Amino acid sequence: MADKKLLDEINERMKSVLAQSPAADIEKNLRVMLAAWFSRLDLVTREEFDVQREVLRRAQDKVAQLEARLAEIEARMKEEGSKR
């Protein structure tokens, strides 16, 4: 039990030392720099990507329906033309 207490105390002291060290500032500055860099890349969120994927899927379905309908109309016109 005393060993666990000692380890917990060492852990807390290390966290305190690291929080006050330049490492915390480096991490914070790195995060800000990366966020700025990512914002310039014109990336989209996963949610936006999923929405656009669904829009594309619906558009592809509609195109497939219209192609099938056009094929039917062309077949009927060809059939009517051959009857004349």
PDB file of N, CA and C in Angstrom:
ATOM      1  N   MET A   1       0.819  -1.182   0.000  1.00  0.00           N
ATOM      2  CA  MET A   1       0.000   0.000   0.000  1.00  0.00           C
ATOM      3  C   MET A   1       0.868   1.252   0.000  1.00  0.00           C
ATOM      4  N   ALA A   2       1.944   1.219   0.766  1.00  0.00           N
ATOM      5  CA  ALA A   2       2.847   2.364   0.847  1.00  0.00           C
ATOM      6  C   ALA A   2       3.523   2.591  -0.501  1.00  0.00           C
ATOM      7  N   ASP A   3       3.822   1.494  -1.209  1.00  0.00           N
ATOM      8  CA  ASP A   3       4.443   1.614  -2.528  1.00  0.00           C
ATOM      9  C   ASP A   3       3.505   2.323  -3.500  1.00  0.00           C
ATOM     10  N   LYS A   4       2.240   1.992  -3.462  1.00  0.00           N
ATOM     11  CA  LYS A   4       1.267   2.626  -4.345  1.00  0.00           C
ATOM     12  C   LYS A   4       1.160   4.109  -4.035  1.00  0.00           C
ATOM     13  N   LYS A   5       1.163   4.427  -2.739  1.00  0.00           N
ATOM     14  CA  LYS A   5       1.092   5.831  -2.333  1.00  0.00           C
ATOM     15  C   LYS A   5       2.305   6.589  -2.849  1.00  0.00           C
ATOM     16  N   LEU A   6       3.468   5.976  -2.728  1.00  0.00           N
ATOM     17  CA  LEU A   6       4.708   6.603  -3.184  1.00  0.00           C
ATOM     18  C   LEU A   6       4.668   6.814  -4.695  1.00  0.00           C
ATOM     19  N   LEU A   7       4.213   5.796  -5.433  1.00  0.00           N
ATOM     20  CA  LEU A   7       4.129   5.912  -6.890  1.00  0.00           C
ATOM     21  C   LEU A   7       3.127   6.994  -7.304  1.00  0.00           C
ATOM     22  N   ASP A   8       2.003   7.065  -6.601  1.00  0.00           N
ATOM     23  CA  ASP A   8       1.012   8.101  -6.904  1.00  0.00           C
ATOM     24  C   ASP A   8       1.581   9.494  -6.655  1.00  0.00           C
ATOM     25  N   GLU A   9       2.331   9.630  -5.560  1.00  0.00           N
ATOM     26  CA  GLU A   9       2.930  10.929  -5.243  1.00  0.00           C
ATOM     27  C   GLU A   9       3.972  11.314  -6.288  1.00  0.00           C
ATOM     28  N   ILE A  10       4.788  10.363  -6.703  1.00  0.00           N
ATOM     29  CA  ILE A  10       5.788  10.625  -7.748  1.00  0.00           C
ATOM     30  C   ILE A  10       5.089  11.018  -9.046  1.00  0.00           C
ATOM     31  N   ASN A  11       4.013  10.309  -9.383  1.00  0.00           N
ATOM     32  CA  ASN A  11       3.253  10.597 -10.597  1.00  0.00           C
ATOM     33  C   ASN A  11       2.697  12.016 -10.564  1.00  0.00           C
ATOM     34  N   GLU A  12       2.111  12.410  -9.449  1.00  0.00           N
ATOM     35  CA  GLU A  12       1.546  13.757  -9.322  1.00  0.00           C
ATOM     36  C   GLU A  12       2.630  14.827  -9.433  1.00  0.00           C
ATOM     37  N   ARG A  13       3.771  14.573  -8.799  1.00  0.00           N
ATOM     38  CA  ARG A  13       4.880  15.543  -8.879  1.00  0.00           C
ATOM     39  C   ARG A  13       5.403  15.665 -10.307  1.00  0.00           C
ATOM     40  N   MET A  14       5.479  14.545 -11.015  1.00  0.00           N
ATOM     41  CA  MET A  14       5.949  14.578 -12.410  1.00  0.00           C
ATOM     42  C   MET A  14       4.973  15.358 -13.288  1.00  0.00           C
ATOM     43  N   LYS A  15       3.683  15.143 -13.061  1.00  0.00           N
ATOM     44  CA  LYS A  15       2.673  15.894 -13.815  1.00  0.00           C
ATOM     45  C   LYS A  15       2.812  17.378 -13.549  1.00  0.00           C
ATOM     46  N   SER A  16       3.039  17.721 -12.293  1.00  0.00           N
ATOM     47  CA  SER A  16       3.180  19.125 -11.916  1.00  0.00           C
ATOM     48  C   SER A  16       4.416  19.739 -12.577  1.00  0.00           C
ATOM     49  N   VAL A  17       5.515  19.024 -12.548  1.00  0.00           N
ATOM     50  CA  VAL A  17       6.756  19.516 -13.158  1.00  0.00           C
ATOM     51  C   VAL A  17       6.576  19.683 -14.661  1.00  0.00           C
ATOM     52  N   LEU A  18       5.969  18.691 -15.311  1.00  0.00           N
ATOM     53  CA  LEU A  18       5.768  18.762 -16.758  1.00  0.00           C
ATOM     54  C   LEU A  18       4.797  19.874 -17.143  1.00  0.00           C
ATOM     55  N   ALA A  19       3.794  20.111 -16.311  1.00  0.00           N
ATOM     56  CA  ALA A  19       2.822  21.167 -16.606  1.00  0.00           C
ATOM     57  C   ALA A  19       3.475  22.539 -16.553  1.00  0.00           C
ATOM     58  N   GLN A  20       4.496  22.679 -15.728  1.00  0.00           N
ATOM     59  CA  GLN A  20       5.179  23.967 -15.586  1.00  0.00           C
ATOM     60  C   GLN A  20       6.387  24.080 -16.505  1.00  0.00           C
ATOM     61  N   SER A  21       6.710  23.044 -17.218  1.00  0.00           N
ATOM     62  CA  SER A  21       7.904  23.045 -18.066  1.00  0.00           C
ATOM     63  C   SER A  21       7.577  23.595 -19.457  1.00  0.00           C
ATOM     64  N   PRO A  22       8.593  23.878 -20.233  1.00  0.00           N
ATOM     65  CA  PRO A  22       8.361  24.339 -21.606  1.00  0.00           C
ATOM     66  C   PRO A  22       7.666  23.295 -22.479  1.00  0.00           C
ATOM     67  N   ALA A  23       7.665  22.045 -22.048  1.00  0.00           N
ATOM     68  CA  ALA A  23       7.007  20.997 -22.838  1.00  0.00           C
ATOM     69  C   ALA A  23       5.530  21.297 -23.025  1.00  0.00           C
ATOM     70  N   ALA A  24       4.882  21.841 -22.003  1.00  0.00           N
ATOM     71  CA  ALA A  24       3.458  22.176 -22.117  1.00  0.00           C
ATOM     72  C   ALA A  24       3.257  23.274 -23.154  1.00  0.00           C
ATOM     73  N   ASP A  25       4.137  24.271 -23.151  1.00  0.00           N
ATOM     74  CA  ASP A  25       4.044  25.344 -24.140  1.00  0.00           C
ATOM     75  C   ASP A  25       4.318  24.829 -25.548  1.00  0.00           C
ATOM     76  N   ILE A  26       5.270  23.931 -25.658  1.00  0.00           N
ATOM     77  CA  ILE A  26       5.592  23.361 -26.971  1.00  0.00           C
ATOM     78  C   ILE A  26       4.386  22.612 -27.518  1.00  0.00           C
ATOM     79  N   GLU A  27       3.751  21.824 -26.679  1.00  0.00           N
ATOM     80  CA  GLU A  27       2.568  21.073 -27.119  1.00  0.00           C
ATOM     81  C   GLU A  27       1.449  22.022 -27.542  1.00  0.00           C
ATOM     82  N   LYS A  28       1.212  23.051 -26.743  1.00  0.00           N
ATOM     83  CA  LYS A  28       0.155  24.016 -27.052  1.00  0.00           C
ATOM     84  C   LYS A  28       0.455  24.730 -28.379  1.00  0.00           C
ATOM     85  N   ASN A  29       1.699  25.166 -28.545  1.00  0.00           N
ATOM     86  CA  ASN A  29       2.074  25.855 -29.786  1.00  0.00           C
ATOM     87  C   ASN A  29       1.996  24.928 -30.992  1.00  0.00           C
ATOM     88  N   LEU A  30       2.375  23.686 -30.793  1.00  0.00           N
ATOM     89  CA  LEU A  30       2.297  22.707 -31.881  1.00  0.00           C
ATOM     90  C   LEU A  30       0.850  22.474 -32.300  1.00  0.00           C
ATOM     91  N   ARG A  31      -0.047  22.378 -31.325  1.00  0.00           N
ATOM     92  CA  ARG A  31      -1.473  22.196 -31.637  1.00  0.00           C
ATOM     93  C   ARG A  31      -2.019  23.388 -32.429  1.00  0.00           C
ATOM     94  N   VAL A  32      -1.663  24.593 -32.003  1.00  0.00           N
ATOM     95  CA  VAL A  32      -2.120  25.795 -32.711  1.00  0.00           C
ATOM     96  C   VAL A  32      -1.570  25.813 -34.130  1.00  0.00           C
ATOM     97  N   MET A  33      -0.291  25.481 -34.273  1.00  0.00           N
ATOM     98  CA  MET A  33       0.339  25.475 -35.592  1.00  0.00           C
ATOM     99  C   MET A  33      -0.310  24.431 -36.503  1.00  0.00           C
ATOM    100  N   LEU A  34      -0.570  23.236 -35.973  1.00  0.00           N
ATOM    101  CA  LEU A  34      -1.204  22.191 -36.775  1.00  0.00           C
ATOM    102  C   LEU A  34      -2.632  22.574 -37.154  1.00  0.00           C
ATOM    103  N   ALA A  35      -3.360  23.183 -36.230  1.00  0.00           N
ATOM    104  CA  ALA A  35      -4.734  23.611 -36.524  1.00  0.00           C
ATOM    105  C   ALA A  35      -4.732  24.638 -37.644  1.00  0.00           C
ATOM    106  N   ALA A  36      -3.800  25.577 -37.611  1.00  0.00           N
ATOM    107  CA  ALA A  36      -3.707  26.587 -38.674  1.00  0.00           C
ATOM    108  C   ALA A  36      -3.345  25.926 -39.995  1.00  0.00           C
ATOM    109  N   TRP A  37      -2.443  24.979 -39.965  1.00  0.00           N
ATOM    110  CA  TRP A  37      -2.016  24.302 -41.186  1.00  0.00           C
ATOM    111  C   TRP A  37      -3.180  23.504 -41.788  1.00  0.00           C
ATOM    112  N   PHE A  38      -3.917  22.784 -40.933  1.00  0.00           N
ATOM    113  CA  PHE A  38      -5.059  22.010 -41.421  1.00  0.00           C
ATOM    114  C   PHE A  38      -6.142  22.917 -41.985  1.00  0.00           C
ATOM    115  N   SER A  39      -6.342  24.084 -41.396  1.00  0.00           N
ATOM    116  CA  SER A  39      -7.381  24.984 -41.892  1.00  0.00           C
ATOM    117  C   SER A  39      -7.046  25.490 -43.295  1.00  0.00           C
ATOM    118  N   ARG A  40      -5.776  25.613 -43.605  1.00  0.00           N
ATOM    119  CA  ARG A  40      -5.371  26.051 -44.954  1.00  0.00           C
ATOM    120  C   ARG A  40      -5.519  24.947 -45.988  1.00  0.00           C
ATOM    121  N   LEU A  41      -5.625  23.709 -45.557  1.00  0.00           N
ATOM    122  CA  LEU A  41      -5.737  22.590 -46.491  1.00  0.00           C
ATOM    123  C   LEU A  41      -7.140  22.440 -47.059  1.00  0.00           C
ATOM    124  N   ASP A  42      -8.083  23.196 -46.549  1.00  0.00           N
ATOM    125  CA  ASP A  42      -9.462  23.152 -47.033  1.00  0.00           C
ATOM    126  C   ASP A  42     -10.033  21.738 -46.908  1.00  0.00           C
ATOM    127  N   LEU A  43      -9.854  21.147 -45.749  1.00  0.00           N
ATOM    128  CA  LEU A  43     -10.366  19.803 -45.474  1.00  0.00           C
ATOM    129  C   LEU A  43     -11.833  19.871 -45.070  1.00  0.00           C
ATOM    130  N   VAL A  44     -12.529  18.771 -45.223  1.00  0.00           N
ATOM    131  CA  VAL A  44     -13.923  18.696 -44.787  1.00  0.00           C
ATOM    132  C   VAL A  44     -14.009  17.755 -43.588  1.00  0.00           C
ATOM    133  N   THR A  45     -15.046  17.947 -42.809  1.00  0.00           N
ATOM    134  CA  THR A  45     -15.250  17.057 -41.668  1.00  0.00           C
ATOM    135  C   THR A  45     -15.804  15.725 -42.157  1.00  0.00           C
ATOM    136  N   ARG A  46     -15.743  14.735 -41.311  1.00  0.00           N
ATOM    137  CA  ARG A  46     -16.276  13.418 -41.647  1.00  0.00           C
ATOM    138  C   ARG A  46     -17.775  13.519 -41.923  1.00  0.00           C
ATOM    139  N   GLU A  47     -18.465  14.333 -41.114  1.00  0.00           N
ATOM    140  CA  GLU A  47     -19.908  14.507 -41.291  1.00  0.00           C
ATOM    141  C   GLU A  47     -20.221  15.110 -42.667  1.00  0.00           C
ATOM    142  N   GLU A  48     -19.460  16.141 -43.059  1.00  0.00           N
ATOM    143  CA  GLU A  48     -19.681  16.747 -44.373  1.00  0.00           C
ATOM    144  C   GLU A  48     -19.404  15.739 -45.491  1.00  0.00           C
ATOM    145  N   PHE A  49     -18.352  14.939 -45.304  1.00  0.00           N
ATOM    146  CA  PHE A  49     -18.015  13.922 -46.292  1.00  0.00           C
ATOM    147  C   PHE A  49     -19.137  12.904 -46.436  1.00  0.00           C
ATOM    148  N   ASP A  50     -19.668  12.443 -45.298  1.00  0.00           N
ATOM    149  CA  ASP A  50     -20.750  11.459 -45.332  1.00  0.00           C
ATOM    150  C   ASP A  50     -21.999  12.020 -46.003  1.00  0.00           C
ATOM    151  N   VAL A  51     -22.311  13.285 -45.741  1.00  0.00           N
ATOM    152  CA  VAL A  51     -23.470  13.915 -46.377  1.00  0.00           C
ATOM    153  C   VAL A  51     -23.274  13.961 -47.883  1.00  0.00           C
ATOM    154  N   GLN A  52     -22.101  14.381 -48.329  1.00  0.00           N
ATOM    155  CA  GLN A  52     -21.843  14.463 -49.766  1.00  0.00           C
ATOM    156  C   GLN A  52     -21.836  13.086 -50.420  1.00  0.00           C
ATOM    157  N   ARG A  53     -21.356  12.083 -49.701  1.00  0.00           N
ATOM    158  CA  ARG A  53     -21.378  10.715 -50.237  1.00  0.00           C
ATOM    159  C   ARG A  53     -22.820  10.255 -50.453  1.00  0.00           C
ATOM    160  N   GLU A  54     -23.704  10.588 -49.513  1.00  0.00           N
ATOM    161  CA  GLU A  54     -25.116  10.212 -49.644  1.00  0.00           C
ATOM    162  C   GLU A  54     -25.766  10.970 -50.808  1.00  0.00           C
ATOM    163  N   VAL A  55     -25.442  12.249 -50.967  1.00  0.00           N
ATOM    164  CA  VAL A  55     -25.968  13.030 -52.097  1.00  0.00           C
ATOM    165  C   VAL A  55     -25.510  12.401 -53.412  1.00  0.00           C
ATOM    166  N   LEU A  56     -24.254  12.026 -53.482  1.00  0.00           N
ATOM    167  CA  LEU A  56     -23.722  11.388 -54.689  1.00  0.00           C
ATOM    168  C   LEU A  56     -24.411  10.057 -54.958  1.00  0.00           C
ATOM    169  N   ARG A  57     -24.631   9.264 -53.916  1.00  0.00           N
ATOM    170  CA  ARG A  57     -25.310   7.962 -54.093  1.00  0.00           C
ATOM    171  C   ARG A  57     -26.707   8.157 -54.663  1.00  0.00           C
ATOM    172  N   ARG A  58     -27.436   9.149 -54.129  1.00  0.00           N
ATOM    173  CA  ARG A  58     -28.790   9.415 -54.637  1.00  0.00           C
ATOM    174  C   ARG A  58     -28.743   9.891 -56.090  1.00  0.00           C
ATOM    175  N   ALA A  59     -27.767  10.730 -56.416  1.00  0.00           N
ATOM    176  CA  ALA A  59     -27.637  11.214 -57.795  1.00  0.00           C
ATOM    177  C   ALA A  59     -27.320  10.052 -58.736  1.00  0.00           C
ATOM    178  N   GLN A  60     -26.457   9.148 -58.306  1.00  0.00           N
ATOM    179  CA  GLN A  60     -26.131   7.985 -59.130  1.00  0.00           C
ATOM    180  C   GLN A  60     -27.351   7.092 -59.329  1.00  0.00           C
ATOM    181  N   ASP A  61     -28.145   6.919 -58.276  1.00  0.00           N
ATOM    182  CA  ASP A  61     -29.376   6.130 -58.402  1.00  0.00           C
ATOM    183  C   ASP A  61     -30.325   6.780 -59.410  1.00  0.00           C
ATOM    184  N   LYS A  62     -30.471   8.093 -59.331  1.00  0.00           N
ATOM    185  CA  LYS A  62     -31.365   8.824 -60.233  1.00  0.00           C
ATOM    186  C   LYS A  62     -30.880   8.715 -61.683  1.00  0.00           C
ATOM    187  N   VAL A  63     -29.571   8.839 -61.882  1.00  0.00           N
ATOM    188  CA  VAL A  63     -29.014   8.695 -63.237  1.00  0.00           C
ATOM    189  C   VAL A  63     -29.294   7.300 -63.774  1.00  0.00           C
ATOM    190  N   ALA A  64     -29.129   6.284 -62.940  1.00  0.00           N
ATOM    191  CA  ALA A  64     -29.393   4.908 -63.374  1.00  0.00           C
ATOM    192  C   ALA A  64     -30.861   4.741 -63.753  1.00  0.00           C
ATOM    193  N   GLN A  65     -31.779   5.333 -62.967  1.00  0.00           N
ATOM    194  CA  GLN A  65     -33.204   5.262 -63.300  1.00  0.00           C
ATOM    195  C   GLN A  65     -33.493   5.961 -64.626  1.00  0.00           C
ATOM    196  N   LEU A  66     -32.900   7.135 -64.800  1.00  0.00           N
ATOM    197  CA  LEU A  66     -33.136   7.879 -66.047  1.00  0.00           C
ATOM    198  C   LEU A  66     -32.552   7.153 -67.254  1.00  0.00           C
ATOM    199  N   GLU A  67     -31.398   6.521 -67.088  1.00  0.00           N
ATOM    200  CA  GLU A  67     -30.809   5.752 -68.189  1.00  0.00           C
ATOM    201  C   GLU A  67     -31.710   4.581 -68.561  1.00  0.00           C
ATOM    202  N   ALA A  68     -32.268   3.898 -67.563  1.00  0.00           N
ATOM    203  CA  ALA A  68     -33.169   2.775 -67.835  1.00  0.00           C
ATOM    204  C   ALA A  68     -34.427   3.268 -68.546  1.00  0.00           C
ATOM    205  N   ARG A  69     -34.951   4.386 -68.087  1.00  0.00           N
ATOM    206  CA  ARG A  69     -36.155   4.951 -68.718  1.00  0.00           C
ATOM    207  C   ARG A  69     -35.872   5.359 -70.163  1.00  0.00           C
ATOM    208  N   LEU A  70     -34.715   5.978 -70.394  1.00  0.00           N
ATOM    209  CA  LEU A  70     -34.339   6.372 -71.752  1.00  0.00           C
ATOM    210  C   LEU A  70     -34.180   5.149 -72.650  1.00  0.00           C
ATOM    211  N   ALA A  71     -33.603   4.088 -72.125  1.00  0.00           N
ATOM    212  CA  ALA A  71     -33.439   2.863 -72.902  1.00  0.00           C
ATOM    213  C   ALA A  71     -34.800   2.285 -73.283  1.00  0.00           C
ATOM    214  N   GLU A  72     -35.767   2.344 -72.366  1.00  0.00           N
ATOM    215  CA  GLU A  72     -37.114   1.863 -72.660  1.00  0.00           C
ATOM    216  C   GLU A  72     -37.755   2.702 -73.771  1.00  0.00           C
ATOM    217  N   ILE A  73     -37.628   4.011 -73.647  1.00  0.00           N
ATOM    218  CA  ILE A  73     -38.214   4.917 -74.659  1.00  0.00           C
ATOM    219  C   ILE A  73     -37.576   4.678 -76.015  1.00  0.00           C
ATOM    220  N   GLU A  74     -36.245   4.541 -76.049  1.00  0.00           N
ATOM    221  CA  GLU A  74     -35.559   4.287 -77.315  1.00  0.00           C
ATOM    222  C   GLU A  74     -35.995   2.960 -77.914  1.00  0.00           C
ATOM    223  N   ALA A  75     -36.157   1.945 -77.062  1.00  0.00           N
ATOM    224  CA  ALA A  75     -36.592   0.634 -77.551  1.00  0.00           C
ATOM    225  C   ALA A  75     -37.998   0.724 -78.136  1.00  0.00           C
ATOM    226  N   ARG A  76     -38.905   1.464 -77.475  1.00  0.00           N
ATOM    227  CA  ARG A  76     -40.261   1.617 -77.997  1.00  0.00           C
ATOM    228  C   ARG A  76     -40.270   2.370 -79.320  1.00  0.00           C
ATOM    229  N   MET A  77     -39.447   3.416 -79.386  1.00  0.00           N
ATOM    230  CA  MET A  77     -39.393   4.201 -80.626  1.00  0.00           C
ATOM    231  C   MET A  77     -38.834   3.349 -81.769  1.00  0.00           C
ATOM    232  N   LYS A  78     -37.833   2.559 -81.466  1.00  0.00           N
ATOM    233  CA  LYS A  78     -37.254   1.687 -82.485  1.00  0.00           C
ATOM    234  C   LYS A  78     -38.284   0.645 -82.925  1.00  0.00           C
ATOM    235  N   GLU A  79     -39.028   0.108 -81.979  1.00  0.00           N
ATOM    236  CA  GLU A  79     -40.055  -0.889 -82.261  1.00  0.00           C
ATOM    237  C   GLU A  79     -41.163  -0.263 -83.118  1.00  0.00           C
ATOM    238  N   GLU A  80     -41.587   0.950 -82.775  1.00  0.00           N
ATOM    239  CA  GLU A  80     -42.638   1.629 -83.542  1.00  0.00           C
ATOM    240  C   GLU A  80     -42.144   1.975 -84.944  1.00  0.00           C
ATOM    241  N   GLY A  81     -40.857   2.331 -85.045  1.00  0.00           N
ATOM    242  CA  GLY A  81     -40.284   2.648 -86.342  1.00  0.00           C
ATOM    243  C   GLY A  81     -40.194   1.445 -87.265  1.00  0.00           C
ATOM    244  N   SER A  82     -39.949   0.294 -86.689  1.00  0.00           N
ATOM    245  CA  SER A  82     -39.831  -0.908 -87.508  1.00  0.00           C
ATOM    246  C   SER A  82     -41.206  -1.427 -87.952  1.00  0.00           C
ATOM    247  N   LYS A  83     -42.267  -1.022 -87.240  1.00  0.00           N
ATOM    248  CA  LYS A  83     -43.620  -1.449 -87.614  1.00  0.00           C
ATOM    249  C   LYS A  83     -44.121  -0.650 -88.827  1.00  0.00           C
ATOM    250  N   ARG A  84     -43.589   0.509 -89.048  1.00  0.00           N
ATOM    251  CA  ARG A  84     -44.070   1.357 -90.139  1.00  0.00           C
ATOM    252  C   ARG A  84     -43.533   0.956 -91.448  1.00  0.00           C
TER     253      ARG A  84
END
